[in-house]
Amino acid sequence: MIKSNILALDASTEALSIVLHFEGQTFHHFEECPQQHSQKILPLVDELLNKAQCKLKDLDVIGFGQGPGSFTGVRISVAIAQGLAYSANLPLVGVSTLAIMAQQAFEQNGSTCVYPAIDARMGEIYFANYQLNNTKMELVNQECVIKPELLTADFISVNNEQAVAVGTGFKTYPDALNNFSNIQIITEITLPDARYMLNHVDDAFLNGNVVKASDAQPKYVRDTVTWKKLPGRE
């Protein structure tokens, strides 16, 4: 049960999603609108606030999708969240887009071991393993960017535990998991939806794991380590 009054948003991928949980009611918007996020996001925030008959200053915390995803989309998520937080003097909680999809797999299907992946372009995916801890999906090891053909037992458990895979990474590369009979691809979950940030944001806020607007950071995952694989790149 969500105890805090929360606005959460994500624009890190092709999807734009916003959720408002206020005094026990939840108001939500999700759509795929590539390259339209910056025009649509603030009017949609206002629309949800009006529906809930509340103002930003009535909330406890703002959550944002901090990536990985498209560089532009991640920056939009962070910048909009920072602007809203500054205007209402609210704390922020960043949530991984991969964690959001893993949480959706648990809340919708009861999945307790999830491998989310987002298409990172250039023949790679953003990839991670999340497992259930109480009611929240938590990261195992670390998130990475990897070529799907390199997914081996180093990254994926080969024991008999039944697991699921979600996200555009496995929509683009459906054969990447052919060697793992214990994993089922859930095709209904392809992009992060802010509705499934609420559990993470609520837990972080109640435990004091928040940041000031000035300290909000994106999580690109693709960094200089990736590029060092290419000749001549630093």
Foldseek 3Di string as FASTA:
>chain_A
DFDFFEWEWFQQEQKTKIWTQDPNDIDIDIDRHPPCCLVPPPVVVVVVCVVVVHDLLRGAEYEFAQDDHDPVRNVSRLVVRLVSCVVNVHWYDYDHFQQQLVLCCCVVPVFFWEWEWEDPPPQKIWIFIWGDDPNGTDTDDDIAIGRLLPDDCVGDPQDQAAGEYEAVVCVVVVCSCVVRPRYHYDDVHHGGHRVSCSVVVSVCSVVVVTHHSVPDHHCNNDDQVVVVVPPPGD
